[in-house]
Protein backbone atom coordinates (compact mmCIF):
# COMPACT_ATOMS: atom_id res chain seq x y z
CA MET A 1 12.45 -16.65 12.80
CA SER A 2 10.24 -14.70 14.85
CA ARG A 3 10.09 -10.94 13.58
CA SER A 4 11.43 -8.37 15.61
CA LYS A 5 9.09 -5.32 15.87
CA ILE A 6 11.23 -1.85 15.42
CA PRO A 7 9.39 1.06 16.89
CA ASN A 8 9.46 4.40 15.01
CA SER A 9 10.23 2.79 11.64
CA PRO A 10 8.76 5.57 9.73
CA SER A 11 10.93 8.18 11.47
CA ILE A 12 14.14 6.08 11.19
CA ARG A 13 13.02 5.63 7.40
CA ARG A 14 12.68 9.48 7.37
CA MET A 15 16.14 10.19 8.71
CA PRO A 16 18.22 9.79 5.62
CA SER A 17 16.57 12.22 3.78
CA TYR A 18 16.91 14.73 6.67
CA LEU A 19 20.67 13.82 6.25
CA HIS A 20 21.19 14.41 3.03
CA LYS A 21 19.60 17.78 2.82
CA LEU A 22 21.43 18.82 6.18
CA MET A 23 24.65 17.61 4.75
CA LEU A 24 24.02 19.78 1.29
CA MET A 25 23.27 22.69 3.77
CA HIS A 26 26.34 22.30 5.89
CA ARG A 27 28.60 21.92 2.75
CA ASN A 28 27.18 25.38 1.54
CA GLY A 29 27.92 27.12 4.77
CA GLU A 30 24.46 27.04 6.57
CA LYS A 31 24.63 26.61 10.24
CA HIS A 32 21.39 26.18 11.44
CA ALA A 33 18.33 24.39 10.04
CA SER A 34 14.77 24.86 10.78
CA THR A 35 12.02 22.55 11.17
CA THR A 36 10.33 24.41 8.94
CA ARG A 37 12.44 24.19 6.00
CA LEU A 38 13.01 20.72 6.42
CA ALA A 39 9.55 19.69 6.71
CA GLU A 40 8.93 21.69 2.95
CA TYR A 41 11.90 19.55 1.59
CA ILE A 42 10.17 16.04 2.94
CA ASN A 43 6.71 17.01 2.25
CA LEU A 44 5.56 16.88 6.19
CA ASP A 45 4.30 18.78 8.63
CA THR A 46 6.72 20.38 11.03
CA ILE A 47 5.31 18.70 13.95
CA ILE A 48 6.18 15.51 12.50
CA VAL A 49 9.65 16.44 11.88
CA ARG A 50 10.23 17.78 15.39
CA LYS A 51 8.94 14.55 16.81
CA ASP A 52 11.45 12.60 14.66
CA PHE A 53 14.19 14.81 15.94
CA GLU A 54 13.53 14.18 19.50
CA LEU A 55 13.92 10.73 19.35
CA THR A 56 17.58 11.62 18.47
CA GLY A 57 17.86 13.24 21.69
CA ILE A 58 18.97 16.82 20.62
CA SER A 59 16.81 19.99 20.61
CA GLY A 60 16.39 22.99 18.80
CA GLN A 61 16.35 26.71 19.69
CA PRO A 62 12.91 28.70 19.36
CA GLY A 63 13.24 31.13 16.44
CA VAL A 64 17.06 29.65 15.43
CA GLY A 65 16.41 26.14 14.80
CA TYR A 66 19.03 23.35 15.33
CA LYS A 67 22.80 23.76 15.03
CA THR A 68 23.46 21.90 11.65
CA ASP A 69 26.35 20.11 12.50
CA GLU A 70 25.19 18.87 15.79
CA LEU A 71 21.75 17.66 14.27
CA ILE A 72 23.92 15.72 11.30
CA ALA A 73 26.08 14.04 14.37
CA ALA A 74 22.96 13.48 16.47
CA ILE A 75 21.15 11.48 13.57
CA ARG A 76 24.17 9.63 12.60
CA ARG A 77 24.39 8.61 16.30
CA TYR A 78 20.94 7.63 15.85
CA LEU A 79 20.99 5.44 12.96
CA ASN A 80 24.64 3.92 14.32
CA TRP A 81 26.16 5.55 11.37
CA ASP A 82 28.97 7.01 13.20
CA ARG A 83 30.79 3.92 13.25
CA THR A 84 32.12 1.70 10.36
CA CYS A 85 29.81 -1.42 9.16
CA ARG A 86 31.84 -3.66 7.16
CA ALA A 87 29.97 -5.88 4.47
CA CYS A 88 30.55 -8.12 1.64
CA LEU A 89 28.14 -8.17 -1.35
CA VAL A 90 27.43 -11.34 -3.58
CA GLY A 91 26.42 -11.04 -6.83
CA ALA A 92 27.95 -8.04 -8.69
CA GLY A 93 25.27 -8.38 -11.55
CA SER A 94 23.29 -4.82 -12.70
CA LEU A 95 22.12 -4.19 -8.95
CA GLY A 96 25.08 -5.64 -7.41
CA SER A 97 27.55 -3.30 -9.39
CA ALA A 98 25.31 -0.47 -8.74
CA LEU A 99 25.48 -0.53 -5.00
CA ILE A 100 28.99 -1.13 -5.32
CA GLY A 101 29.74 2.08 -6.88
CA HIS A 102 26.81 3.91 -4.46
CA GLU A 103 29.40 6.87 -3.25
CA GLU A 104 27.05 7.53 -0.31
CA PHE A 105 27.37 4.36 1.71
CA ALA A 106 30.75 5.91 2.91
CA GLU A 107 29.12 8.81 4.45
CA TYR A 108 26.87 6.18 6.14
CA GLY A 109 29.80 4.28 7.69
CA LEU A 110 29.32 1.42 4.96
CA GLU A 111 32.33 -0.37 3.98
CA ILE A 112 31.77 -2.87 1.32
CA SER A 113 35.15 -4.83 2.22
CA ALA A 114 34.62 -7.96 -0.12
CA VAL A 115 32.50 -8.85 -3.62
CA PHE A 116 32.17 -12.25 -4.79
CA ASP A 117 30.66 -13.69 -7.77
CA SER A 118 30.12 -16.79 -9.70
CA ASP A 119 30.48 -15.64 -13.38
CA PRO A 120 33.76 -16.46 -14.73
CA ASP A 121 33.53 -13.46 -16.93
CA ARG A 122 33.11 -11.16 -13.62
CA ILE A 123 35.83 -12.87 -11.56
CA ASP A 124 39.11 -10.82 -10.87
CA SER A 125 37.73 -7.60 -12.84
CA VAL A 126 37.74 -4.66 -11.01
CA ILE A 127 34.28 -2.84 -10.67
CA HIS A 128 34.37 0.78 -8.97
CA GLY A 129 37.53 -0.44 -7.34
CA HIS A 130 36.39 -3.63 -6.01
CA ARG A 131 38.26 -6.71 -7.49
CA ILE A 132 35.48 -9.35 -7.51
CA LEU A 133 36.07 -12.60 -5.84
CA ASP A 134 34.88 -16.21 -6.93
CA VAL A 135 32.31 -16.93 -4.81
CA ARG A 136 33.85 -20.29 -4.18
CA ARG A 137 36.31 -18.97 -2.24
CA MET A 138 34.20 -16.87 0.12
CA GLN A 139 33.92 -19.25 3.25
CA GLU A 140 37.78 -19.49 2.97
CA LEU A 141 38.20 -15.89 2.88
CA LEU A 142 35.45 -14.81 5.57
CA ARG A 143 35.32 -17.33 8.08
CA GLU A 144 38.54 -15.90 10.20
CA ASP A 145 36.97 -12.54 10.09
CA PRO A 146 33.35 -12.29 8.96
CA PRO A 147 31.70 -8.85 7.91
CA ASP A 148 29.08 -7.47 9.92
CA ILE A 149 26.56 -7.78 6.87
CA GLY A 150 25.84 -9.92 3.94
CA ILE A 151 24.41 -7.66 1.19
CA ILE A 152 22.69 -10.60 -1.25
CA CYS A 153 22.16 -9.40 -5.04
CA VAL A 154 22.07 -13.13 -6.20
CA PRO A 155 18.97 -14.82 -8.26
CA SER A 156 16.25 -15.66 -5.92
CA ASN A 157 17.22 -19.42 -6.47
CA CYS A 158 20.86 -18.98 -5.07
CA ALA A 159 19.93 -16.75 -2.39
CA GLN A 160 19.46 -19.13 0.32
CA MET A 161 22.43 -21.04 -0.24
CA VAL A 162 24.46 -17.95 -0.77
CA THR A 163 22.93 -16.84 2.87
CA ASP A 164 23.57 -20.19 4.67
CA GLU A 165 27.42 -20.41 3.67
CA LEU A 166 27.77 -16.43 5.04
CA ILE A 167 25.88 -17.48 8.29
CA ALA A 168 28.31 -20.82 8.61
CA CYS A 169 31.28 -18.01 8.34
CA GLY A 170 29.73 -16.13 11.24
CA VAL A 171 27.65 -13.27 9.62
CA LYS A 172 24.52 -12.20 12.18
CA ALA A 173 22.85 -9.71 9.61
CA PHE A 174 21.75 -9.49 5.62
CA TRP A 175 20.47 -6.70 3.27
CA ASN A 176 18.76 -9.49 1.02
CA PHE A 177 17.78 -7.43 -2.82
CA ALA A 178 16.93 -10.97 -3.78
CA ASN A 179 13.01 -11.30 -4.29
CA VAL A 180 12.62 -14.05 -1.80
CA CYS A 181 12.23 -14.66 1.89
CA LEU A 182 15.34 -15.75 3.80
CA LYS A 183 14.95 -18.27 6.38
CA VAL A 184 17.39 -17.63 9.18
CA PRO A 185 18.25 -18.57 12.75
CA GLU A 186 16.48 -16.53 15.78
CA ASP A 187 19.59 -14.41 16.09
CA VAL A 188 20.21 -13.55 12.59
CA ILE A 189 18.84 -10.08 11.37
CA VAL A 190 17.36 -9.99 7.58
CA GLN A 191 16.13 -6.37 6.13
CA ARG A 192 14.63 -7.45 2.85
CA GLU A 193 14.27 -4.76 0.08
CA VAL A 194 11.71 -5.40 -2.23
CA ILE A 195 12.22 -3.13 -5.18
CA ALA A 196 8.69 -3.77 -6.86
CA GLY A 197 7.16 -2.50 -3.63
CA GLY A 198 8.04 1.06 -4.33
CA PHE A 199 6.89 0.64 -7.98
CA ALA A 200 3.48 -0.97 -6.66
CA MET A 201 3.05 2.43 -4.34
CA LEU A 202 3.75 4.76 -7.25
CA SER A 203 1.48 2.81 -9.72
CA VAL A 204 -1.13 3.07 -6.87
CA LYS A 205 -0.83 6.91 -6.54
CA LEU A 206 -0.74 7.40 -10.04
CA ALA A 207 -4.06 5.25 -10.25
CA ARG A 208 -5.73 7.50 -7.57
CA ARG A 209 -4.59 10.70 -9.06
CA ASN A 210 -6.00 9.54 -12.44
CA SER A 211 -9.15 8.59 -10.59
CA ALA A 212 -9.27 12.13 -9.24
CA GLN A 213 -8.41 10.63 -5.63
CA PRO A 214 -5.18 12.08 -4.63
CA ASP A 215 -2.64 11.24 -1.72
CA PHE A 216 0.42 11.86 -2.52
CA SER A 217 2.41 12.43 0.38
CA GLU A 218 5.56 10.53 1.25
CA ASP A 219 5.64 7.57 3.23
C-alpha cells in the first residue's frame, strides 16, 4: 500500500478544536468570532489561525472577524462533515464502548450504524443504545450495504483478519485503533490512531520542562 500524502495535515488536525470552540460560542449567542480569540484558545499565532481558515474559502471582515455560523459551516464543508458518514465498529470492549458513547460524533456527521463483538457476554447486550451483534454475522449483515468506514477496536492479533473481512464486504476506509499496521489494497484508506503516541509527546514535554527546556506549544 502506498501512503498518500495529505497537504495541510496540521491545519486539518486543528479544525475540530476551532469547531468545538465556535459551536460553544454559537450556542452562547455570539455571532462573530475573531482570529485573536480563537488563537488564544488554541495557543497559536493569529496568522496561523487566519491561514487555516483561508483553506475553507471563507474570509473575515477587518475589525469584526468571521460570522460564527458561516465559519462553522465552512469548516464542516472543508472536513466533509456536512454529510452523514456511516461506520461500523468492531470490538465493543473498553475503548470501543467509549467511542460508541462519544456524543460529538453526531455533530461530525459520523453515524455508527452497527457494532460487532465476539464475546458471548457482550453479544445481544445494549451499549449506549447500540445492540451488539455477533462478529460471525458481520459479512452476512454488511455485504449488501457496506458502511463508509470500519472502526477497528479489536486486539492487535485479530485486527488484520477483521479488516480483511470488512474489505470483502466492500468497506474502503478504516479508522484503526489497534496497535498494528494494517495491510490493505491500494484503493483502501487507513487512518491509524496510536494512543501511546500522544502520551509519548506528553512525556517528552514533561521531561523538557523538568530540565528547563520548555516547548509546550500544541501540535
